[in-house]
Amino acid sequence: GDSFIVESGLEEGEEIAVNGTFSIDAAAQLSGKASMM
């Protein structure tokens, strides 16, 4: 529904961005760092 099961890539207890992820990705693109695209 509003969430996904993650099969691999994350461990319990890690903290992730749940809102504003596109803003973080835009900052990564502007600074030439690894980004979504």
PDB file of all heavy atoms in Angstrom:
ATOM      1  N   GLY A   1       0.837  -1.193   0.000  1.00  0.00           N
ATOM      2  CA  GLY A   1       0.000   0.000   0.000  1.00  0.00           C
ATOM      3  C   GLY A   1       0.868   1.237   0.000  1.00  0.00           C
ATOM      4  O   GLY A   1       1.318   1.707  -1.040  1.00  0.00           O
ATOM      5  N   ASP A   2       1.146   1.822   1.182  1.00  0.00           N
ATOM      6  CA  ASP A   2       1.964   3.026   1.295  1.00  0.00           C
ATOM      7  C   ASP A   2       3.417   2.710   1.622  1.00  0.00           C
ATOM      8  O   ASP A   2       4.184   3.623   1.941  1.00  0.00           O
ATOM      9  CB  ASP A   2       1.395   3.949   2.388  1.00  0.00           C
ATOM     10  CG  ASP A   2       0.028   4.498   2.001  1.00  0.00           C
ATOM     11  OD1 ASP A   2      -0.222   4.635   0.788  1.00  0.00           O
ATOM     12  OD2 ASP A   2      -0.770   4.791   2.894  1.00  0.00           O
ATOM     13  N   SER A   3       3.805   1.465   1.572  1.00  0.00           N
ATOM     14  CA  SER A   3       5.180   1.100   1.923  1.00  0.00           C
ATOM     15  C   SER A   3       5.643  -0.073   1.077  1.00  0.00           C
ATOM     16  O   SER A   3       4.863  -0.668   0.343  1.00  0.00           O
ATOM     17  CB  SER A   3       5.283   0.767   3.418  1.00  0.00           C
ATOM     18  OG  SER A   3       4.374  -0.258   3.759  1.00  0.00           O
ATOM     19  N   PHE A   4       6.931  -0.368   1.190  1.00  0.00           N
ATOM     20  CA  PHE A   4       7.548  -1.473   0.452  1.00  0.00           C
ATOM     21  C   PHE A   4       8.296  -2.385   1.422  1.00  0.00           C
ATOM     22  O   PHE A   4       8.848  -1.922   2.436  1.00  0.00           O
ATOM     23  CB  PHE A   4       8.566  -0.955  -0.568  1.00  0.00           C
ATOM     24  CG  PHE A   4       7.971  -0.506  -1.865  1.00  0.00           C
ATOM     25  CD1 PHE A   4       8.112   0.796  -2.293  1.00  0.00           C
ATOM     26  CD2 PHE A   4       7.277  -1.393  -2.670  1.00  0.00           C
ATOM     27  CE1 PHE A   4       7.577   1.204  -3.492  1.00  0.00           C
ATOM     28  CE2 PHE A   4       6.734  -0.990  -3.873  1.00  0.00           C
ATOM     29  CZ  PHE A   4       6.889   0.320  -4.287  1.00  0.00           C
ATOM     30  N   ILE A   5       8.353  -3.665   1.082  1.00  0.00           N
ATOM     31  CA  ILE A   5       9.298  -4.571   1.726  1.00  0.00           C
ATOM     32  C   ILE A   5      10.639  -4.416   1.015  1.00  0.00           C
ATOM     33  O   ILE A   5      10.696  -4.408  -0.207  1.00  0.00           O
ATOM     34  CB  ILE A   5       8.819  -6.026   1.646  1.00  0.00           C
ATOM     35  CG1 ILE A   5       7.546  -6.226   2.461  1.00  0.00           C
ATOM     36  CG2 ILE A   5       9.894  -6.989   2.141  1.00  0.00           C
ATOM     37  CD1 ILE A   5       6.960  -7.618   2.360  1.00  0.00           C
ATOM     38  N   VAL A   6      11.712  -4.265   1.779  1.00  0.00           N
ATOM     39  CA  VAL A   6      13.055  -4.173   1.214  1.00  0.00           C
ATOM     40  C   VAL A   6      13.735  -5.519   1.392  1.00  0.00           C
ATOM     41  O   VAL A   6      13.971  -5.972   2.517  1.00  0.00           O
ATOM     42  CB  VAL A   6      13.878  -3.053   1.895  1.00  0.00           C
ATOM     43  CG1 VAL A   6      15.300  -3.030   1.347  1.00  0.00           C
ATOM     44  CG2 VAL A   6      13.208  -1.701   1.671  1.00  0.00           C
ATOM     45  N   GLU A   7      14.022  -6.177   0.271  1.00  0.00           N
ATOM     46  CA  GLU A   7      14.639  -7.501   0.317  1.00  0.00           C
ATOM     47  C   GLU A   7      16.116  -7.418   0.700  1.00  0.00           C
ATOM     48  O   GLU A   7      16.637  -8.278   1.409  1.00  0.00           O
ATOM     49  CB  GLU A   7      14.492  -8.197  -1.041  1.00  0.00           C
ATOM     50  CG  GLU A   7      13.039  -8.436  -1.469  1.00  0.00           C
ATOM     51  CD  GLU A   7      12.360  -9.507  -0.647  1.00  0.00           C
ATOM     52  OE1 GLU A   7      13.059 -10.205   0.117  1.00  0.00           O
ATOM     53  OE2 GLU A   7      11.126  -9.652  -0.758  1.00  0.00           O
ATOM     54  N   SER A   8      16.823  -6.413   0.213  1.00  0.00           N
ATOM     55  CA  SER A   8      18.249  -6.264   0.526  1.00  0.00           C
ATOM     56  C   SER A   8      18.650  -4.813   0.331  1.00  0.00           C
ATOM     57  O   SER A   8      17.995  -4.056  -0.395  1.00  0.00           O
ATOM     58  CB  SER A   8      19.101  -7.174  -0.375  1.00  0.00           C
ATOM     59  OG  SER A   8      18.974  -6.801  -1.733  1.00  0.00           O
ATOM     60  N   GLY A   9      19.740  -4.424   0.997  1.00  0.00           N
ATOM     61  CA  GLY A   9      20.273  -3.074   0.851  1.00  0.00           C
ATOM     62  C   GLY A   9      20.186  -2.240   2.105  1.00  0.00           C
ATOM     63  O   GLY A   9      20.877  -1.226   2.227  1.00  0.00           O
ATOM     64  N   LEU A  10      19.353  -2.632   3.078  1.00  0.00           N
ATOM     65  CA  LEU A  10      19.212  -1.881   4.329  1.00  0.00           C
ATOM     66  C   LEU A  10      19.269  -2.832   5.514  1.00  0.00           C
ATOM     67  O   LEU A  10      18.898  -4.004   5.403  1.00  0.00           O
ATOM     68  CB  LEU A  10      17.890  -1.110   4.360  1.00  0.00           C
ATOM     69  CG  LEU A  10      17.785   0.170   3.524  1.00  0.00           C
ATOM     70  CD1 LEU A  10      16.377   0.731   3.602  1.00  0.00           C
ATOM     71  CD2 LEU A  10      18.792   1.215   3.982  1.00  0.00           C
ATOM     72  N   GLU A  11      19.727  -2.294   6.624  1.00  0.00           N
ATOM     73  CA  GLU A  11      19.763  -3.048   7.873  1.00  0.00           C
ATOM     74  C   GLU A  11      18.853  -2.378   8.893  1.00  0.00           C
ATOM     75  O   GLU A  11      18.650  -1.158   8.863  1.00  0.00           O
ATOM     76  CB  GLU A  11      21.191  -3.129   8.425  1.00  0.00           C
ATOM     77  CG  GLU A  11      22.177  -3.840   7.516  1.00  0.00           C
ATOM     78  CD  GLU A  11      21.876  -5.323   7.381  1.00  0.00           C
ATOM     79  OE1 GLU A  11      21.237  -5.870   8.298  1.00  0.00           O
ATOM     80  OE2 GLU A  11      22.277  -5.926   6.364  1.00  0.00           O
ATOM     81  N   GLU A  12      18.304  -3.177   9.789  1.00  0.00           N
ATOM     82  CA  GLU A  12      17.437  -2.640  10.830  1.00  0.00           C
ATOM     83  C   GLU A  12      18.200  -1.636  11.688  1.00  0.00           C
ATOM     84  O   GLU A  12      19.350  -1.861  12.066  1.00  0.00           O
ATOM     85  CB  GLU A  12      16.897  -3.771  11.703  1.00  0.00           C
ATOM     86  CG  GLU A  12      15.905  -3.312  12.758  1.00  0.00           C
ATOM     87  CD  GLU A  12      15.357  -4.448  13.582  1.00  0.00           C
ATOM     88  OE1 GLU A  12      15.803  -5.600  13.359  1.00  0.00           O
ATOM     89  OE2 GLU A  12      14.500  -4.200  14.449  1.00  0.00           O
ATOM     90  N   GLY A  13      17.566  -0.502  11.983  1.00  0.00           N
ATOM     91  CA  GLY A  13      18.186   0.531  12.803  1.00  0.00           C
ATOM     92  C   GLY A  13      18.794   1.664  12.007  1.00  0.00           C
ATOM     93  O   GLY A  13      19.036   2.751  12.562  1.00  0.00           O
ATOM     94  N   GLU A  14      19.083   1.469  10.724  1.00  0.00           N
ATOM     95  CA  GLU A  14      19.629   2.549   9.908  1.00  0.00           C
ATOM     96  C   GLU A  14      18.565   3.627   9.712  1.00  0.00           C
ATOM     97  O   GLU A  14      17.376   3.339   9.637  1.00  0.00           O
ATOM     98  CB  GLU A  14      20.106   2.026   8.555  1.00  0.00           C
ATOM     99  CG  GLU A  14      21.352   1.166   8.648  1.00  0.00           C
ATOM    100  CD  GLU A  14      21.889   0.790   7.280  1.00  0.00           C
ATOM    101  OE1 GLU A  14      21.158   0.138   6.527  1.00  0.00           O
ATOM    102  OE2 GLU A  14      23.032   1.171   6.970  1.00  0.00           O
ATOM    103  N   GLU A  15      19.015   4.872   9.603  1.00  0.00           N
ATOM    104  CA  GLU A  15      18.105   5.997   9.457  1.00  0.00           C
ATOM    105  C   GLU A  15      18.138   6.477   8.007  1.00  0.00           C
ATOM    106  O   GLU A  15      19.214   6.695   7.446  1.00  0.00           O
ATOM    107  CB  GLU A  15      18.490   7.139  10.399  1.00  0.00           C
ATOM    108  CG  GLU A  15      17.430   8.215  10.533  1.00  0.00           C
ATOM    109  CD  GLU A  15      17.717   9.199  11.660  1.00  0.00           C
ATOM    110  OE1 GLU A  15      18.737   9.009  12.354  1.00  0.00           O
ATOM    111  OE2 GLU A  15      16.942  10.145  11.842  1.00  0.00           O
ATOM    112  N   ILE A  16      16.958   6.628   7.410  1.00  0.00           N
ATOM    113  CA  ILE A  16      16.873   7.033   6.009  1.00  0.00           C
ATOM    114  C   ILE A  16      15.952   8.245   5.876  1.00  0.00           C
ATOM    115  O   ILE A  16      15.138   8.530   6.754  1.00  0.00           O
ATOM    116  CB  ILE A  16      16.347   5.889   5.117  1.00  0.00           C
ATOM    117  CG1 ILE A  16      14.923   5.502   5.538  1.00  0.00           C
ATOM    118  CG2 ILE A  16      17.271   4.695   5.150  1.00  0.00           C
ATOM    119  CD1 ILE A  16      14.250   4.516   4.603  1.00  0.00           C
ATOM    120  N   ALA A  17      16.095   8.965   4.755  1.00  0.00           N
ATOM    121  CA  ALA A  17      15.199  10.077   4.449  1.00  0.00           C
ATOM    122  C   ALA A  17      13.877   9.513   3.955  1.00  0.00           C
ATOM    123  O   ALA A  17      13.846   8.681   3.053  1.00  0.00           O
ATOM    124  CB  ALA A  17      15.820  10.973   3.395  1.00  0.00           C
ATOM    125  N   VAL A  18      12.771   9.962   4.556  1.00  0.00           N
ATOM    126  CA  VAL A  18      11.447   9.500   4.152  1.00  0.00           C
ATOM    127  C   VAL A  18      10.642  10.614   3.499  1.00  0.00           C
ATOM    128  O   VAL A  18       9.552  10.385   2.996  1.00  0.00           O
ATOM    129  CB  VAL A  18      10.665   8.927   5.352  1.00  0.00           C
ATOM    130  CG1 VAL A  18      11.355   7.688   5.898  1.00  0.00           C
ATOM    131  CG2 VAL A  18      10.492   9.966   6.449  1.00  0.00           C
ATOM    132  N   ASN A  19      11.179  11.824   3.501  1.00  0.00           N
ATOM    133  CA  ASN A  19      10.541  12.944   2.816  1.00  0.00           C
ATOM    134  C   ASN A  19      11.638  13.901   2.355  1.00  0.00           C
ATOM    135  O   ASN A  19      12.640  14.083   3.043  1.00  0.00           O
ATOM    136  CB  ASN A  19       9.560  13.669   3.744  1.00  0.00           C
ATOM    137  CG  ASN A  19       8.649  14.608   2.989  1.00  0.00           C
ATOM    138  OD1 ASN A  19       7.812  14.180   2.203  1.00  0.00           O
ATOM    139  ND2 ASN A  19       8.819  15.906   3.196  1.00  0.00           N
ATOM    140  N   GLY A  20      11.446  14.485   1.180  1.00  0.00           N
ATOM    141  CA  GLY A  20      12.456  15.394   0.641  1.00  0.00           C
ATOM    142  C   GLY A  20      13.602  14.700  -0.058  1.00  0.00           C
ATOM    143  O   GLY A  20      14.667  15.291  -0.247  1.00  0.00           O
ATOM    144  N   THR A  21      13.402  13.432  -0.459  1.00  0.00           N
ATOM    145  CA  THR A  21      14.494  12.687  -1.097  1.00  0.00           C
ATOM    146  C   THR A  21      14.894  13.311  -2.429  1.00  0.00           C
ATOM    147  O   THR A  21      16.063  13.264  -2.816  1.00  0.00           O
ATOM    148  CB  THR A  21      14.081  11.225  -1.326  1.00  0.00           C
ATOM    149  OG1 THR A  21      12.793  11.191  -1.940  1.00  0.00           O
ATOM    150  CG2 THR A  21      14.016  10.474  -0.008  1.00  0.00           C
ATOM    151  N   PHE A  22      13.940  13.916  -3.141  1.00  0.00           N
ATOM    152  CA  PHE A  22      14.282  14.537  -4.415  1.00  0.00           C
ATOM    153  C   PHE A  22      15.169  15.761  -4.206  1.00  0.00           C
ATOM    154  O   PHE A  22      16.016  16.062  -5.045  1.00  0.00           O
ATOM    155  CB  PHE A  22      13.014  14.919  -5.174  1.00  0.00           C
ATOM    156  CG  PHE A  22      12.478  13.820  -6.040  1.00  0.00           C
ATOM    157  CD1 PHE A  22      11.546  12.925  -5.544  1.00  0.00           C
ATOM    158  CD2 PHE A  22      12.927  13.653  -7.337  1.00  0.00           C
ATOM    159  CE1 PHE A  22      11.055  11.896  -6.330  1.00  0.00           C
ATOM    160  CE2 PHE A  22      12.440  12.619  -8.136  1.00  0.00           C
ATOM    161  CZ  PHE A  22      11.505  11.745  -7.632  1.00  0.00           C
ATOM    162  N   SER A  23      14.987  16.472  -3.103  1.00  0.00           N
ATOM    163  CA  SER A  23      15.856  17.617  -2.814  1.00  0.00           C
ATOM    164  C   SER A  23      17.282  17.155  -2.548  1.00  0.00           C
ATOM    165  O   SER A  23      18.250  17.780  -3.000  1.00  0.00           O
ATOM    166  CB  SER A  23      15.313  18.383  -1.599  1.00  0.00           C
ATOM    167  OG  SER A  23      14.023  18.895  -1.865  1.00  0.00           O
ATOM    168  N   ILE A  24      17.424  16.045  -1.827  1.00  0.00           N
ATOM    169  CA  ILE A  24      18.760  15.500  -1.578  1.00  0.00           C
ATOM    170  C   ILE A  24      19.386  15.056  -2.887  1.00  0.00           C
ATOM    171  O   ILE A  24      20.569  15.334  -3.163  1.00  0.00           O
ATOM    172  CB  ILE A  24      18.685  14.318  -0.595  1.00  0.00           C
ATOM    173  CG1 ILE A  24      18.082  14.766   0.739  1.00  0.00           C
ATOM    174  CG2 ILE A  24      20.064  13.711  -0.371  1.00  0.00           C
ATOM    175  CD1 ILE A  24      17.804  13.622   1.702  1.00  0.00           C
ATOM    176  N   ASP A  25      18.604  14.395  -3.729  1.00  0.00           N
ATOM    177  CA  ASP A  25      19.140  13.912  -5.006  1.00  0.00           C
ATOM    178  C   ASP A  25      19.520  15.068  -5.915  1.00  0.00           C
ATOM    179  O   ASP A  25      20.524  14.991  -6.639  1.00  0.00           O
ATOM    180  CB  ASP A  25      18.103  13.023  -5.689  1.00  0.00           C
ATOM    181  CG  ASP A  25      18.689  12.206  -6.818  1.00  0.00           C
ATOM    182  OD1 ASP A  25      19.410  11.231  -6.511  1.00  0.00           O
ATOM    183  OD2 ASP A  25      18.463  12.554  -7.989  1.00  0.00           O
ATOM    184  N   ALA A  26      18.737  16.163  -5.880  1.00  0.00           N
ATOM    185  CA  ALA A  26      19.077  17.327  -6.692  1.00  0.00           C
ATOM    186  C   ALA A  26      20.396  17.941  -6.238  1.00  0.00           C
ATOM    187  O   ALA A  26      21.227  18.350  -7.056  1.00  0.00           O
ATOM    188  CB  ALA A  26      17.947  18.353  -6.620  1.00  0.00           C
ATOM    189  N   ALA A  27      20.605  18.000  -4.907  1.00  0.00           N
ATOM    190  CA  ALA A  27      21.864  18.519  -4.390  1.00  0.00           C
ATOM    191  C   ALA A  27      23.033  17.634  -4.818  1.00  0.00           C
ATOM    192  O   ALA A  27      24.122  18.120  -5.148  1.00  0.00           O
ATOM    193  CB  ALA A  27      21.803  18.622  -2.866  1.00  0.00           C
ATOM    194  N   ALA A  28      22.817  16.304  -4.843  1.00  0.00           N
ATOM    195  CA  ALA A  28      23.861  15.386  -5.284  1.00  0.00           C
ATOM    196  C   ALA A  28      24.189  15.600  -6.760  1.00  0.00           C
ATOM    197  O   ALA A  28      25.360  15.595  -7.161  1.00  0.00           O
ATOM    198  CB  ALA A  28      23.425  13.939  -5.035  1.00  0.00           C
ATOM    199  N   GLN A  29      23.158  15.820  -7.589  1.00  0.00           N
ATOM    200  CA  GLN A  29      23.403  16.053  -9.010  1.00  0.00           C
ATOM    201  C   GLN A  29      24.170  17.353  -9.236  1.00  0.00           C
ATOM    202  O   GLN A  29      25.092  17.404 -10.055  1.00  0.00           O
ATOM    203  CB  GLN A  29      22.069  16.097  -9.766  1.00  0.00           C
ATOM    204  CG  GLN A  29      21.331  14.764  -9.808  1.00  0.00           C
ATOM    205  CD  GLN A  29      20.059  14.850 -10.630  1.00  0.00           C
ATOM    206  OE1 GLN A  29      20.033  15.446 -11.684  1.00  0.00           O
ATOM    207  NE2 GLN A  29      18.994  14.233 -10.127  1.00  0.00           N
ATOM    208  N   LEU A  30      23.797  18.409  -8.492  1.00  0.00           N
ATOM    209  CA  LEU A  30      24.478  19.702  -8.664  1.00  0.00           C
ATOM    210  C   LEU A  30      25.942  19.637  -8.263  1.00  0.00           C
ATOM    211  O   LEU A  30      26.793  20.321  -8.839  1.00  0.00           O
ATOM    212  CB  LEU A  30      23.766  20.779  -7.841  1.00  0.00           C
ATOM    213  CG  LEU A  30      22.397  21.228  -8.375  1.00  0.00           C
ATOM    214  CD1 LEU A  30      21.723  22.145  -7.380  1.00  0.00           C
ATOM    215  CD2 LEU A  30      22.569  21.930  -9.719  1.00  0.00           C
ATOM    216  N   SER A  31      26.232  18.799  -7.255  1.00  0.00           N
ATOM    217  CA  SER A  31      27.612  18.715  -6.780  1.00  0.00           C
ATOM    218  C   SER A  31      28.412  17.623  -7.491  1.00  0.00           C
ATOM    219  O   SER A  31      29.551  17.346  -7.124  1.00  0.00           O
ATOM    220  CB  SER A  31      27.622  18.464  -5.270  1.00  0.00           C
ATOM    221  OG  SER A  31      26.912  17.291  -4.956  1.00  0.00           O
ATOM    222  N   GLY A  32      27.815  16.991  -8.511  1.00  0.00           N
ATOM    223  CA  GLY A  32      28.542  15.980  -9.275  1.00  0.00           C
ATOM    224  C   GLY A  32      28.747  14.674  -8.543  1.00  0.00           C
ATOM    225  O   GLY A  32      29.658  13.916  -8.870  1.00  0.00           O
ATOM    226  N   LYS A  33      27.893  14.406  -7.565  1.00  0.00           N
ATOM    227  CA  LYS A  33      28.028  13.168  -6.805  1.00  0.00           C
ATOM    228  C   LYS A  33      27.055  12.114  -7.341  1.00  0.00           C
ATOM    229  O   LYS A  33      26.224  12.386  -8.194  1.00  0.00           O
ATOM    230  CB  LYS A  33      27.766  13.432  -5.329  1.00  0.00           C
ATOM    231  CG  LYS A  33      28.772  14.394  -4.710  1.00  0.00           C
ATOM    232  CD  LYS A  33      28.491  14.621  -3.249  1.00  0.00           C
ATOM    233  CE  LYS A  33      29.556  15.542  -2.635  1.00  0.00           C
ATOM    234  NZ  LYS A  33      29.327  15.758  -1.211  1.00  0.00           N
ATOM    235  N   ALA A  34      27.194  10.887  -6.816  1.00  0.00           N
ATOM    236  CA  ALA A  34      26.310   9.805  -7.238  1.00  0.00           C
ATOM    237  C   ALA A  34      24.866  10.190  -6.951  1.00  0.00           C
ATOM    238  O   ALA A  34      24.526  10.630  -5.851  1.00  0.00           O
ATOM    239  CB  ALA A  34      26.672   8.515  -6.511  1.00  0.00           C
ATOM    240  N   SER A  35      23.993  10.037  -7.946  1.00  0.00           N
ATOM    241  CA  SER A  35      22.594  10.402  -7.812  1.00  0.00           C
ATOM    242  C   SER A  35      21.732   9.343  -8.472  1.00  0.00           C
ATOM    243  O   SER A  35      22.236   8.370  -9.037  1.00  0.00           O
ATOM    244  CB  SER A  35      22.327  11.779  -8.438  1.00  0.00           C
ATOM    245  OG  SER A  35      22.631  11.752  -9.817  1.00  0.00           O
ATOM    246  N   MET A  36      20.413   9.535  -8.421  1.00  0.00           N
ATOM    247  CA  MET A  36      19.489   8.545  -8.931  1.00  0.00           C
ATOM    248  C   MET A  36      19.736   8.257 -10.415  1.00  0.00           C
ATOM    249  O   MET A  36      19.796   7.117 -10.841  1.00  0.00           O
ATOM    250  CB  MET A  36      18.049   9.029  -8.729  1.00  0.00           C
ATOM    251  CG  MET A  36      16.993   8.096  -9.277  1.00  0.00           C
ATOM    252  SD  MET A  36      15.315   8.649  -8.955  1.00  0.00           S
ATOM    253  CE  MET A  36      15.241  10.122  -9.969  1.00  0.00           C
ATOM    254  N   MET A  37      19.895   9.312 -11.223  1.00  0.00           N
ATOM    255  CA  MET A  37      20.059   9.137 -12.658  1.00  0.00           C
ATOM    256  C   MET A  37      21.516   8.971 -13.062  1.00  0.00           C
ATOM    257  O   MET A  37      21.801   8.603 -14.201  1.00  0.00           O
ATOM    258  CB  MET A  37      19.459  10.337 -13.405  1.00  0.00           C
ATOM    259  CG  MET A  37      17.975  10.542 -13.163  1.00  0.00           C
ATOM    260  SD  MET A  37      16.980   9.075 -13.551  1.00  0.00           S
ATOM    261  CE  MET A  37      17.260   8.954 -15.314  1.00  0.00           C
TER     262      MET A  37
END
